[in-house]
N, C-alpha and C. Protein backbone atom coordinates (compact mmCIF):
# COMPACT_ATOMS: atom_id res chain seq x y z
N MET A 1 142.08 109.04 45.17
CA MET A 1 141.73 108.60 43.83
C MET A 1 140.29 108.06 43.86
N ALA A 2 139.48 108.56 43.00
CA ALA A 2 138.13 108.03 42.86
C ALA A 2 138.18 106.93 41.80
N ILE A 3 138.16 105.69 42.23
CA ILE A 3 138.33 104.55 41.33
C ILE A 3 137.34 104.59 40.18
N PHE A 4 136.08 104.84 40.49
CA PHE A 4 135.05 104.78 39.46
C PHE A 4 135.17 105.88 38.43
N ASN A 5 135.89 106.95 38.76
CA ASN A 5 136.11 108.04 37.81
C ASN A 5 137.47 107.94 37.12
N SER A 6 138.25 106.95 37.49
CA SER A 6 139.58 106.77 36.91
C SER A 6 139.47 106.33 35.45
N THR A 7 140.37 106.81 34.61
CA THR A 7 140.37 106.41 33.20
C THR A 7 140.69 104.93 33.04
N GLU A 8 141.38 104.32 34.03
CA GLU A 8 141.71 102.90 33.96
C GLU A 8 140.51 102.01 34.31
N PHE A 9 139.53 102.57 35.04
CA PHE A 9 138.36 101.79 35.42
C PHE A 9 137.41 101.74 34.24
N SER A 10 137.17 100.54 33.76
CA SER A 10 136.31 100.38 32.59
C SER A 10 135.22 99.37 32.91
N ASP A 11 134.35 99.75 33.83
CA ASP A 11 133.24 98.89 34.23
C ASP A 11 133.69 97.50 34.69
N HIS A 12 134.71 97.46 35.52
CA HIS A 12 135.15 96.18 36.09
C HIS A 12 133.98 95.56 36.86
N GLU A 13 133.87 94.24 36.81
CA GLU A 13 132.82 93.55 37.55
C GLU A 13 133.05 93.61 39.05
N GLU A 14 134.32 93.52 39.44
CA GLU A 14 134.61 93.45 40.86
C GLU A 14 136.02 93.95 41.13
N VAL A 15 136.17 94.75 42.18
CA VAL A 15 137.48 95.19 42.65
C VAL A 15 137.49 94.94 44.15
N VAL A 16 138.45 94.13 44.60
CA VAL A 16 138.51 93.72 46.00
C VAL A 16 139.84 94.18 46.59
N PHE A 17 139.79 94.72 47.80
CA PHE A 17 140.98 95.15 48.51
C PHE A 17 141.17 94.23 49.72
N CYS A 18 142.37 93.68 49.86
CA CYS A 18 142.68 92.76 50.96
C CYS A 18 143.90 93.30 51.70
N ARG A 19 143.88 93.14 53.01
CA ARG A 19 145.01 93.59 53.82
C ARG A 19 145.24 92.59 54.95
N ASP A 20 146.53 92.27 55.18
CA ASP A 20 146.90 91.41 56.30
C ASP A 20 148.02 92.11 57.06
N PRO A 21 147.67 92.77 58.16
CA PRO A 21 148.68 93.53 58.91
C PRO A 21 149.85 92.68 59.43
N ASP A 22 149.58 91.41 59.75
CA ASP A 22 150.65 90.55 60.29
C ASP A 22 151.78 90.34 59.30
N THR A 23 151.45 90.24 58.02
CA THR A 23 152.48 90.01 56.99
C THR A 23 152.80 91.27 56.20
N GLY A 24 151.99 92.33 56.36
CA GLY A 24 152.20 93.54 55.60
C GLY A 24 151.59 93.48 54.21
N LEU A 25 150.78 92.45 53.96
CA LEU A 25 150.18 92.27 52.64
C LEU A 25 149.10 93.30 52.40
N PHE A 26 149.15 93.89 51.24
CA PHE A 26 148.07 94.74 50.73
C PHE A 26 147.86 94.28 49.30
N ALA A 27 146.68 93.73 49.01
CA ALA A 27 146.42 93.15 47.69
C ALA A 27 145.17 93.78 47.07
N ILE A 28 145.20 93.91 45.75
CA ILE A 28 144.07 94.42 45.00
C ILE A 28 143.75 93.39 43.93
N ILE A 29 142.50 92.95 43.89
CA ILE A 29 142.05 91.99 42.88
C ILE A 29 141.04 92.72 42.01
N ALA A 30 141.33 92.81 40.72
CA ALA A 30 140.44 93.52 39.79
C ALA A 30 139.98 92.55 38.71
N ILE A 31 138.69 92.29 38.67
CA ILE A 31 138.11 91.39 37.66
C ILE A 31 137.31 92.23 36.69
N HIS A 32 137.70 92.18 35.45
CA HIS A 32 137.07 93.03 34.44
C HIS A 32 135.80 92.41 33.87
N ASP A 33 135.87 91.16 33.40
CA ASP A 33 134.73 90.59 32.70
C ASP A 33 134.77 89.07 32.76
N ARG A 34 133.68 88.46 33.24
CA ARG A 34 133.58 87.00 33.30
C ARG A 34 132.52 86.48 32.33
N THR A 35 132.18 87.24 31.34
CA THR A 35 131.13 86.86 30.40
C THR A 35 131.41 85.51 29.75
N LEU A 36 132.64 85.26 29.38
CA LEU A 36 133.00 84.03 28.68
C LEU A 36 133.43 82.90 29.61
N GLY A 37 133.27 83.08 30.92
CA GLY A 37 133.64 82.04 31.87
C GLY A 37 134.52 82.58 32.96
N PRO A 38 135.22 81.69 33.68
CA PRO A 38 136.07 82.11 34.79
C PRO A 38 137.13 83.12 34.34
N ALA A 39 137.42 84.03 35.22
CA ALA A 39 138.42 85.05 34.92
C ALA A 39 139.83 84.45 34.92
N ALA A 40 140.66 84.94 34.05
CA ALA A 40 142.08 84.56 34.01
C ALA A 40 142.88 85.85 34.16
N GLY A 41 144.05 85.74 34.67
CA GLY A 41 144.81 86.97 34.85
C GLY A 41 146.21 86.70 35.32
N GLY A 42 146.76 87.72 35.92
CA GLY A 42 148.13 87.63 36.37
C GLY A 42 148.29 88.18 37.77
N CYS A 43 149.48 88.07 38.26
CA CYS A 43 149.80 88.54 39.60
C CYS A 43 151.09 89.35 39.52
N ARG A 44 151.08 90.50 40.16
CA ARG A 44 152.30 91.31 40.16
C ARG A 44 152.60 91.70 41.60
N MET A 45 153.83 91.46 42.01
CA MET A 45 154.29 91.91 43.33
C MET A 45 155.30 93.02 43.08
N TRP A 46 154.97 94.22 43.60
CA TRP A 46 155.81 95.37 43.30
C TRP A 46 155.70 96.37 44.44
N PRO A 47 156.79 97.01 44.80
CA PRO A 47 156.72 98.03 45.86
C PRO A 47 156.28 99.38 45.26
N TYR A 48 155.00 99.59 45.14
CA TYR A 48 154.46 100.81 44.53
C TYR A 48 154.73 102.02 45.43
N ALA A 49 154.89 103.16 44.80
CA ALA A 49 155.14 104.40 45.53
C ALA A 49 153.92 104.84 46.33
N SER A 50 152.72 104.47 45.85
CA SER A 50 151.50 104.86 46.55
C SER A 50 150.41 103.83 46.28
N GLU A 51 149.37 103.85 47.11
CA GLU A 51 148.23 102.96 46.89
C GLU A 51 147.54 103.31 45.58
N GLU A 52 147.52 104.57 45.22
CA GLU A 52 146.93 104.99 43.95
C GLU A 52 147.63 104.34 42.77
N ASP A 53 148.96 104.28 42.82
CA ASP A 53 149.72 103.62 41.75
C ASP A 53 149.39 102.13 41.68
N ALA A 54 149.23 101.49 42.84
CA ALA A 54 148.89 100.06 42.88
C ALA A 54 147.50 99.81 42.31
N ILE A 55 146.55 100.65 42.67
CA ILE A 55 145.18 100.51 42.14
C ILE A 55 145.17 100.69 40.62
N ARG A 56 145.86 101.71 40.16
CA ARG A 56 145.92 101.98 38.71
C ARG A 56 146.49 100.78 37.96
N ASP A 57 147.56 100.19 38.49
CA ASP A 57 148.20 99.05 37.84
C ASP A 57 147.28 97.83 37.85
N ALA A 58 146.60 97.57 38.97
CA ALA A 58 145.69 96.42 39.06
C ALA A 58 144.55 96.57 38.04
N LEU A 59 144.05 97.77 37.87
CA LEU A 59 142.96 97.99 36.91
C LEU A 59 143.43 97.82 35.47
N ARG A 60 144.71 98.04 35.23
CA ARG A 60 145.24 97.91 33.87
C ARG A 60 145.58 96.47 33.50
N LEU A 61 145.83 95.61 34.50
CA LEU A 61 146.25 94.22 34.21
C LEU A 61 145.20 93.47 33.44
């Protein structure tokens, strides 16, 4: 998946990928816009079928 060409990617300010092999954690942090101050958002823990599905969901949050 080319993130920057994805229809869900709408000029996000920052997209960060984190991985911790010891715990099995794979996290995606997507910040869309901080123009009005600190970013606010949500957290979703879900067993996605693929990393592409996880990226798409993070970009949509």
